[in-house]
């Protein structure tokens, strides 16, 4: 993470609107509790973990 923060600081120093900021990177490391119940109910979907979703997607793509 240290190298990424250094890169973000460098970008902030040379660009007026850098694509990634130190605040963006710090935000990625913070845990945010989410209640997925309303989304699951409204969209009629069953949330799954990222690794399970990727495995399912890749399994469907490979003949």
PDB file of N, CA and C in Angstrom:
ATOM      1  N   UNK A   1       0.821  -1.189   0.000  1.00  0.00           N
ATOM      2  CA  UNK A   1       0.000   0.000   0.000  1.00  0.00           C
ATOM      3  C   UNK A   1       0.867   1.254   0.000  1.00  0.00           C
ATOM      4  N   UNK A   2       2.034   1.164   0.605  1.00  0.00           N
ATOM      5  CA  UNK A   2       2.914   2.321   0.682  1.00  0.00           C
ATOM      6  C   UNK A   2       3.317   2.847  -0.684  1.00  0.00           C
ATOM      7  N   UNK A   3       3.606   1.931  -1.609  1.00  0.00           N
ATOM      8  CA  UNK A   3       4.006   2.337  -2.954  1.00  0.00           C
ATOM      9  C   UNK A   3       2.837   3.007  -3.684  1.00  0.00           C
ATOM     10  N   UNK A   4       1.643   2.485  -3.478  1.00  0.00           N
ATOM     11  CA  UNK A   4       0.459   3.076  -4.111  1.00  0.00           C
ATOM     12  C   UNK A   4       0.213   4.492  -3.587  1.00  0.00           C
ATOM     13  N   UNK A   5       0.382   4.678  -2.289  1.00  0.00           N
ATOM     14  CA  UNK A   5       0.189   6.014  -1.707  1.00  0.00           C
ATOM     15  C   UNK A   5       1.243   6.977  -2.235  1.00  0.00           C
ATOM     16  N   UNK A   6       2.465   6.505  -2.352  1.00  0.00           N
ATOM     17  CA  UNK A   6       3.525   7.339  -2.918  1.00  0.00           C
ATOM     18  C   UNK A   6       3.170   7.742  -4.347  1.00  0.00           C
ATOM     19  N   UNK A   7       2.692   6.783  -5.132  1.00  0.00           N
ATOM     20  CA  UNK A   7       2.285   7.084  -6.502  1.00  0.00           C
ATOM     21  C   UNK A   7       1.151   8.093  -6.557  1.00  0.00           C
ATOM     22  N   UNK A   8       0.182   7.938  -5.659  1.00  0.00           N
ATOM     23  CA  UNK A   8      -0.945   8.880  -5.615  1.00  0.00           C
ATOM     24  C   UNK A   8      -0.469  10.279  -5.243  1.00  0.00           C
ATOM     25  N   UNK A   9       0.479  10.359  -4.329  1.00  0.00           N
ATOM     26  CA  UNK A   9       1.020  11.679  -3.957  1.00  0.00           C
ATOM     27  C   UNK A   9       1.751  12.317  -5.135  1.00  0.00           C
ATOM     28  N   UNK A  10       2.511  11.505  -5.858  1.00  0.00           N
ATOM     29  CA  UNK A  10       3.219  12.029  -7.028  1.00  0.00           C
ATOM     30  C   UNK A  10       2.232  12.531  -8.079  1.00  0.00           C
ATOM     31  N   UNK A  11       1.190  11.743  -8.338  1.00  0.00           N
ATOM     32  CA  UNK A  11       0.185  12.166  -9.316  1.00  0.00           C
ATOM     33  C   UNK A  11      -0.497  13.460  -8.888  1.00  0.00           C
ATOM     34  N   UNK A  12      -0.784  13.571  -7.595  1.00  0.00           N
ATOM     35  CA  UNK A  12      -1.428  14.789  -7.090  1.00  0.00           C
ATOM     36  C   UNK A  12      -0.531  16.007  -7.256  1.00  0.00           C
ATOM     37  N   UNK A  13       0.775  15.778  -7.228  1.00  0.00           N
ATOM     38  CA  UNK A  13       1.711  16.881  -7.383  1.00  0.00           C
ATOM     39  C   UNK A  13       1.881  17.346  -8.814  1.00  0.00           C
ATOM     40  N   UNK A  14       1.637  16.454  -9.783  1.00  0.00           N
ATOM     41  CA  UNK A  14       1.870  16.826 -11.183  1.00  0.00           C
ATOM     42  C   UNK A  14       0.592  16.967 -12.006  1.00  0.00           C
ATOM     43  N   UNK A  15      -0.535  16.508 -11.462  1.00  0.00           N
ATOM     44  CA  UNK A  15      -1.795  16.587 -12.205  1.00  0.00           C
ATOM     45  C   UNK A  15      -2.803  17.434 -11.435  1.00  0.00           C
ATOM     46  N   UNK A  16      -3.598  18.169 -12.167  1.00  0.00           N
ATOM     47  CA  UNK A  16      -4.635  18.971 -11.519  1.00  0.00           C
ATOM     48  C   UNK A  16      -5.752  18.087 -10.969  1.00  0.00           C
ATOM     49  N   UNK A  17      -6.133  17.066 -11.731  1.00  0.00           N
ATOM     50  CA  UNK A  17      -7.188  16.133 -11.306  1.00  0.00           C
ATOM     51  C   UNK A  17      -6.689  14.700 -11.491  1.00  0.00           C
ATOM     52  N   UNK A  18      -5.902  14.193 -10.563  1.00  0.00           N
ATOM     53  CA  UNK A  18      -5.353  12.841 -10.717  1.00  0.00           C
ATOM     54  C   UNK A  18      -6.452  11.777 -10.664  1.00  0.00           C
ATOM     55  N   UNK A  19      -6.268  10.658 -11.380  1.00  0.00           N
ATOM     56  CA  UNK A  19      -7.287   9.602 -11.391  1.00  0.00           C
ATOM     57  C   UNK A  19      -7.400   8.867 -10.060  1.00  0.00           C
ATOM     58  N   UNK A  20      -6.347   8.901  -9.257  1.00  0.00           N
ATOM     59  CA  UNK A  20      -6.333   8.240  -7.947  1.00  0.00           C
ATOM     60  C   UNK A  20      -5.705   9.196  -6.948  1.00  0.00           C
ATOM     61  N   UNK A  21      -6.339   9.322  -5.788  1.00  0.00           N
ATOM     62  CA  UNK A  21      -5.790  10.179  -4.740  1.00  0.00           C
ATOM     63  C   UNK A  21      -5.478   9.340  -3.506  1.00  0.00           C
ATOM     64  N   UNK A  22      -4.739   9.928  -2.588  1.00  0.00           N
ATOM     65  CA  UNK A  22      -4.434   9.246  -1.331  1.00  0.00           C
ATOM     66  C   UNK A  22      -5.737   8.914  -0.608  1.00  0.00           C
ATOM     67  N   UNK A  23      -6.687   9.825  -0.626  1.00  0.00           N
ATOM     68  CA  UNK A  23      -7.979   9.569   0.024  1.00  0.00           C
ATOM     69  C   UNK A  23      -8.690   8.366  -0.593  1.00  0.00           C
ATOM     70  N   UNK A  24      -8.612   8.217  -1.917  1.00  0.00           N
ATOM     71  CA  UNK A  24      -9.205   7.050  -2.565  1.00  0.00           C
ATOM     72  C   UNK A  24      -8.603   5.764  -2.019  1.00  0.00           C
ATOM     73  N   UNK A  25      -7.292   5.742  -1.918  1.00  0.00           N
ATOM     74  CA  UNK A  25      -6.602   4.537  -1.459  1.00  0.00           C
ATOM     75  C   UNK A  25      -6.908   4.228   0.000  1.00  0.00           C
ATOM     76  N   UNK A  26      -6.956   5.247   0.824  1.00  0.00           N
ATOM     77  CA  UNK A  26      -7.289   5.028   2.235  1.00  0.00           C
ATOM     78  C   UNK A  26      -8.715   4.495   2.353  1.00  0.00           C
ATOM     79  N   UNK A  27      -9.613   5.010   1.540  1.00  0.00           N
ATOM     80  CA  UNK A  27     -10.996   4.538   1.557  1.00  0.00           C
ATOM     81  C   UNK A  27     -11.129   3.076   1.183  1.00  0.00           C
ATOM     82  N   UNK A  28     -10.240   2.584   0.321  1.00  0.00           N
ATOM     83  CA  UNK A  28     -10.285   1.177  -0.078  1.00  0.00           C
ATOM     84  C   UNK A  28      -9.968   0.235   1.068  1.00  0.00           C
ATOM     85  N   UNK A  29      -9.231   0.712   2.051  1.00  0.00           N
ATOM     86  CA  UNK A  29      -8.824  -0.158   3.154  1.00  0.00           C
ATOM     87  C   UNK A  29      -9.823  -0.157   4.303  1.00  0.00           C
ATOM     88  N   UNK A  30     -10.806   0.727   4.259  1.00  0.00           N
ATOM     89  CA  UNK A  30     -11.781   0.811   5.343  1.00  0.00           C
ATOM     90  C   UNK A  30     -12.917  -0.178   5.119  1.00  0.00           C
ATOM     91  N   UNK A  31     -13.284  -0.865   6.167  1.00  0.00           N
ATOM     92  CA  UNK A  31     -14.396  -1.804   6.106  1.00  0.00           C
ATOM     93  C   UNK A  31     -15.704  -1.035   6.263  1.00  0.00           C
ATOM     94  N   UNK A  32     -16.645  -1.310   5.375  1.00  0.00           N
ATOM     95  CA  UNK A  32     -17.930  -0.633   5.420  1.00  0.00           C
ATOM     96  C   UNK A  32     -19.039  -1.673   5.503  1.00  0.00           C
ATOM     97  N   UNK A  33     -19.730  -1.751   6.633  1.00  0.00           N
ATOM     98  CA  UNK A  33     -20.821  -2.726   6.739  1.00  0.00           C
ATOM     99  C   UNK A  33     -22.008  -2.299   5.874  1.00  0.00           C
ATOM    100  N   UNK A  34     -22.503  -3.228   5.096  1.00  0.00           N
ATOM    101  CA  UNK A  34     -23.634  -2.942   4.219  1.00  0.00           C
ATOM    102  C   UNK A  34     -24.765  -3.917   4.504  1.00  0.00           C
ATOM    103  N   UNK A  35     -25.988  -3.432   4.467  1.00  0.00           N
ATOM    104  CA  UNK A  35     -27.156  -4.290   4.574  1.00  0.00           C
ATOM    105  C   UNK A  35     -27.629  -4.568   3.155  1.00  0.00           C
ATOM    106  N   UNK A  36     -27.385  -5.778   2.668  1.00  0.00           N
ATOM    107  CA  UNK A  36     -27.748  -6.130   1.300  1.00  0.00           C
ATOM    108  C   UNK A  36     -29.194  -6.603   1.181  1.00  0.00           C
ATOM    109  N   UNK A  37     -29.888  -6.689   2.301  1.00  0.00           N
ATOM    110  CA  UNK A  37     -31.269  -7.175   2.296  1.00  0.00           C
ATOM    111  C   UNK A  37     -32.194  -6.408   1.369  1.00  0.00           C
ATOM    112  N   UNK A  38     -32.262  -5.079   1.464  1.00  0.00           N
ATOM    113  CA  UNK A  38     -33.157  -4.333   0.572  1.00  0.00           C
ATOM    114  C   UNK A  38     -32.813  -4.519  -0.912  1.00  0.00           C
ATOM    115  N   UNK A  39     -31.530  -4.531  -1.243  1.00  0.00           N
ATOM    116  CA  UNK A  39     -31.119  -4.726  -2.636  1.00  0.00           C
ATOM    117  C   UNK A  39     -31.529  -6.111  -3.120  1.00  0.00           C
ATOM    118  N   UNK A  40     -31.266  -7.138  -2.311  1.00  0.00           N
ATOM    119  CA  UNK A  40     -31.609  -8.511  -2.688  1.00  0.00           C
ATOM    120  C   UNK A  40     -33.119  -8.659  -2.869  1.00  0.00           C
ATOM    121  N   UNK A  41     -33.875  -8.044  -1.987  1.00  0.00           N
ATOM    122  CA  UNK A  41     -35.334  -8.129  -2.064  1.00  0.00           C
ATOM    123  C   UNK A  41     -35.863  -7.390  -3.295  1.00  0.00           C
ATOM    124  N   UNK A  42     -35.409  -6.166  -3.507  1.00  0.00           N
ATOM    125  CA  UNK A  42     -35.924  -5.352  -4.612  1.00  0.00           C
ATOM    126  C   UNK A  42     -35.535  -5.901  -5.976  1.00  0.00           C
ATOM    127  N   UNK A  43     -34.304  -6.391  -6.105  1.00  0.00           N
ATOM    128  CA  UNK A  43     -33.824  -6.881  -7.398  1.00  0.00           C
ATOM    129  C   UNK A  43     -33.990  -8.383  -7.572  1.00  0.00           C
ATOM    130  N   UNK A  44     -34.440  -9.056  -6.496  1.00  0.00           N
ATOM    131  CA  UNK A  44     -34.635 -10.507  -6.516  1.00  0.00           C
ATOM    132  C   UNK A  44     -33.355 -11.237  -6.935  1.00  0.00           C
ATOM    133  N   UNK A  45     -32.271 -10.896  -6.251  1.00  0.00           N
ATOM    134  CA  UNK A  45     -30.979 -11.533  -6.494  1.00  0.00           C
ATOM    135  C   UNK A  45     -30.439 -12.075  -5.176  1.00  0.00           C
ATOM    136  N   UNK A  46     -29.516 -13.016  -5.293  1.00  0.00           N
ATOM    137  CA  UNK A  46     -28.856 -13.572  -4.112  1.00  0.00           C
ATOM    138  C   UNK A  46     -27.389 -13.164  -4.161  1.00  0.00           C
ATOM    139  N   UNK A  47     -26.966 -12.217  -3.324  1.00  0.00           N
ATOM    140  CA  UNK A  47     -25.566 -11.789  -3.323  1.00  0.00           C
ATOM    141  C   UNK A  47     -24.634 -12.955  -3.001  1.00  0.00           C
ATOM    142  N   UNK A  48     -23.439 -12.916  -3.590  1.00  0.00           N
ATOM    143  CA  UNK A  48     -22.433 -13.934  -3.299  1.00  0.00           C
ATOM    144  C   UNK A  48     -21.073 -13.270  -3.196  1.00  0.00           C
ATOM    145  N   UNK A  49     -20.142 -13.980  -2.626  1.00  0.00           N
ATOM    146  CA  UNK A  49     -18.783 -13.464  -2.473  1.00  0.00           C
ATOM    147  C   UNK A  49     -18.139 -13.284  -3.844  1.00  0.00           C
ATOM    148  N   UNK A  50     -17.201 -12.358  -3.933  1.00  0.00           N
ATOM    149  CA  UNK A  50     -16.530 -12.073  -5.202  1.00  0.00           C
ATOM    150  C   UNK A  50     -15.884 -13.319  -5.780  1.00  0.00           C
ATOM    151  N   UNK A  51     -15.156 -14.082  -4.964  1.00  0.00           N
ATOM    152  CA  UNK A  51     -14.474 -15.265  -5.491  1.00  0.00           C
ATOM    153  C   UNK A  51     -15.470 -16.291  -6.023  1.00  0.00           C
ATOM    154  N   UNK A  52     -16.609 -16.450  -5.374  1.00  0.00           N
ATOM    155  CA  UNK A  52     -17.625 -17.388  -5.853  1.00  0.00           C
ATOM    156  C   UNK A  52     -18.235 -16.895  -7.165  1.00  0.00           C
ATOM    157  N   UNK A  53     -18.496 -15.606  -7.264  1.00  0.00           N
ATOM    158  CA  UNK A  53     -19.050 -15.045  -8.492  1.00  0.00           C
ATOM    159  C   UNK A  53     -18.095 -15.162  -9.666  1.00  0.00           C
ATOM    160  N   UNK A  54     -16.806 -14.905  -9.418  1.00  0.00           N
ATOM    161  CA  UNK A  54     -15.813 -15.050 -10.487  1.00  0.00           C
ATOM    162  C   UNK A  54     -15.697 -16.497 -10.931  1.00  0.00           C
ATOM    163  N   UNK A  55     -15.677 -17.422  -9.974  1.00  0.00           N
ATOM    164  CA  UNK A  55     -15.590 -18.842 -10.321  1.00  0.00           C
ATOM    165  C   UNK A  55     -16.793 -19.259 -11.156  1.00  0.00           C
ATOM    166  N   UNK A  56     -17.972 -18.809 -10.778  1.00  0.00           N
ATOM    167  CA  UNK A  56     -19.180 -19.132 -11.529  1.00  0.00           C
ATOM    168  C   UNK A  56     -19.124 -18.534 -12.929  1.00  0.00           C
ATOM    169  N   UNK A  57     -18.703 -17.295 -13.046  1.00  0.00           N
ATOM    170  CA  UNK A  57     -18.610 -16.642 -14.356  1.00  0.00           C
ATOM    171  C   UNK A  57     -17.611 -17.343 -15.258  1.00  0.00           C
ATOM    172  N   UNK A  58     -16.455 -17.685 -14.718  1.00  0.00           N
ATOM    173  CA  UNK A  58     -15.432 -18.347 -15.523  1.00  0.00           C
ATOM    174  C   UNK A  58     -15.869 -19.747 -15.919  1.00  0.00           C
ATOM    175  N   UNK A  59     -16.565 -20.432 -15.043  1.00  0.00           N
ATOM    176  CA  UNK A  59     -17.049 -21.777 -15.338  1.00  0.00           C
ATOM    177  C   UNK A  59     -18.032 -21.735 -16.503  1.00  0.00           C
ATOM    178  N   UNK A  60     -18.883 -20.716 -16.544  1.00  0.00           N
ATOM    179  CA  UNK A  60     -19.869 -20.594 -17.613  1.00  0.00           C
ATOM    180  C   UNK A  60     -19.223 -20.225 -18.941  1.00  0.00           C
ATOM    181  N   UNK A  61     -18.101 -19.531 -18.914  1.00  0.00           N
ATOM    182  CA  UNK A  61     -17.439 -19.098 -20.144  1.00  0.00           C
ATOM    183  C   UNK A  61     -16.636 -20.215 -20.799  1.00  0.00           C
ATOM    184  N   UNK A  62     -16.112 -21.139 -20.000  1.00  0.00           N
ATOM    185  CA  UNK A  62     -15.256 -22.202 -20.530  1.00  0.00           C
ATOM    186  C   UNK A  62     -16.133 -23.355 -21.006  1.00  0.00           C
ATOM    187  N   UNK A  63     -16.009 -23.736 -22.304  1.00  0.00           N
ATOM    188  CA  UNK A  63     -16.855 -24.825 -22.833  1.00  0.00           C
ATOM    189  C   UNK A  63     -16.473 -26.173 -22.270  1.00  0.00           C
TER     190      UNK A  63
END
